[in-house]
Amino acid sequence: MSENSPEKKPEVLDAEIVEETPVPPAEVPDPDYSESGVPSFDHVRDRIEQRYTTSLGSTELAGLGGKEDVASLDKKIADRDKAAKDKLAEIRRAMRER
């Protein structure tokens, strides 16, 4: 027998359409603050840890966190600047000789 045979009738459902009324969202306070606006201890601790790790990362990226200190980096920069000035002077001398 096939599904559309005359012997088998589909079930009829009796239902009414109900319109949904919008429910306004309940105001949930931010979990990091109390109702009076005071931050929680966990929130403050997380912020401090975040700032600390950010400063550590910035220090590492700047190259200040390892074996080298600020004085040695300043010396490297000064040496590089001096080498650049010497090279520029050499190029200028070579250009005058032509």
Protein backbone atom coordinates (compact mmCIF):
# COMPACT_ATOMS: atom_id res chain seq x y z
CA MET A 1 0.00 0.00 0.00
CA SER A 2 1.25 3.49 -0.78
CA GLU A 3 1.11 6.45 1.55
CA ASN A 4 -1.58 8.25 -0.46
CA SER A 5 -3.99 5.36 -0.53
CA PRO A 6 -7.67 6.21 0.10
CA GLU A 7 -7.87 3.74 2.96
CA LYS A 8 -5.42 5.67 5.17
CA LYS A 9 -6.58 9.14 6.20
CA PRO A 10 -4.18 11.75 7.67
CA GLU A 11 -4.74 12.78 11.28
CA VAL A 12 -6.38 16.13 11.77
CA LEU A 13 -5.04 18.26 14.57
CA ASP A 14 -7.24 20.83 16.21
CA ALA A 15 -5.15 23.75 17.49
CA GLU A 16 -5.45 27.47 17.91
CA ILE A 17 -2.82 30.06 17.03
CA VAL A 18 -1.46 31.88 20.05
CA GLU A 19 0.45 35.10 19.54
CA GLU A 20 3.64 35.44 21.54
CA THR A 21 3.87 38.47 23.74
CA PRO A 22 7.41 39.80 23.93
CA VAL A 23 8.94 39.39 27.35
CA PRO A 24 11.30 42.22 28.29
CA PRO A 25 14.75 40.93 29.26
CA ALA A 26 15.36 40.85 32.97
CA GLU A 27 18.04 43.23 34.14
CA VAL A 28 20.88 41.04 35.34
CA PRO A 29 23.63 42.92 37.13
CA ASP A 30 27.15 42.54 35.76
CA PRO A 31 28.76 39.66 37.70
CA ASP A 32 31.94 41.69 38.18
CA TYR A 33 30.15 44.49 40.05
CA SER A 34 27.73 44.67 42.93
CA GLU A 35 24.35 46.34 42.51
CA SER A 36 25.82 49.54 43.93
CA GLY A 37 28.60 49.53 41.31
CA VAL A 38 31.50 48.29 43.44
CA PRO A 39 33.82 45.86 41.60
CA SER A 40 34.23 42.39 43.05
CA PHE A 41 37.54 41.20 44.47
CA ASP A 42 37.89 38.64 41.66
CA HIS A 43 37.39 41.34 39.04
CA VAL A 44 40.03 43.59 40.61
CA ARG A 45 42.48 40.69 40.95
CA ASP A 46 41.94 39.68 37.31
CA ARG A 47 42.56 43.24 36.13
CA ILE A 48 45.78 43.50 38.15
CA GLU A 49 47.01 40.13 36.83
CA GLN A 50 46.13 41.17 33.27
CA ARG A 51 48.09 44.41 33.58
CA TYR A 52 51.04 42.59 35.13
CA THR A 53 51.21 39.97 32.38
CA THR A 54 50.83 42.68 29.73
CA SER A 55 53.79 44.56 31.21
CA LEU A 56 55.86 41.35 31.30
CA GLY A 57 55.04 40.68 27.65
CA SER A 58 55.90 44.23 26.65
CA THR A 59 59.21 43.96 28.47
CA GLU A 60 60.04 40.71 26.68
CA LEU A 61 59.09 42.16 23.30
CA ALA A 62 61.27 45.19 23.95
CA GLY A 63 64.18 42.88 24.70
CA LEU A 64 64.66 44.12 28.23
CA GLY A 65 63.75 40.96 30.07
CA GLY A 66 66.69 38.72 29.31
CA LYS A 67 70.43 38.90 29.84
CA GLU A 68 70.62 42.37 28.37
CA ASP A 69 69.83 45.44 30.39
CA VAL A 70 68.98 48.97 29.31
CA ALA A 71 72.61 50.17 29.37
CA SER A 72 73.80 47.45 27.02
CA LEU A 73 70.93 48.14 24.63
CA ASP A 74 71.73 51.87 24.68
CA LYS A 75 75.35 51.03 23.85
CA LYS A 76 74.27 48.83 20.93
CA ILE A 77 72.09 51.63 19.58
CA ALA A 78 74.91 54.17 19.92
CA ASP A 79 77.35 51.79 18.16
CA ARG A 80 74.89 51.22 15.33
CA ASP A 81 74.32 54.98 14.93
CA LYS A 82 78.08 55.60 14.85
CA ALA A 83 78.56 52.86 12.23
CA ALA A 84 75.77 54.40 10.13
CA LYS A 85 77.36 57.87 10.31
CA ASP A 86 80.77 56.43 9.37
CA LYS A 87 79.28 54.58 6.39
CA LEU A 88 77.46 57.73 5.24
CA ALA A 89 80.69 59.74 5.48
CA GLU A 90 82.50 57.07 3.44
CA ILE A 91 79.81 57.17 0.75
CA ARG A 92 80.00 60.98 0.59
CA ARG A 93 83.81 60.86 0.23
CA ALA A 94 83.46 58.32 -2.58
CA MET A 95 80.93 60.56 -4.36
CA ARG A 96 83.28 63.60 -4.17
CA GLU A 97 86.17 61.65 -5.68
CA ARG A 98 84.26 60.90 -8.85
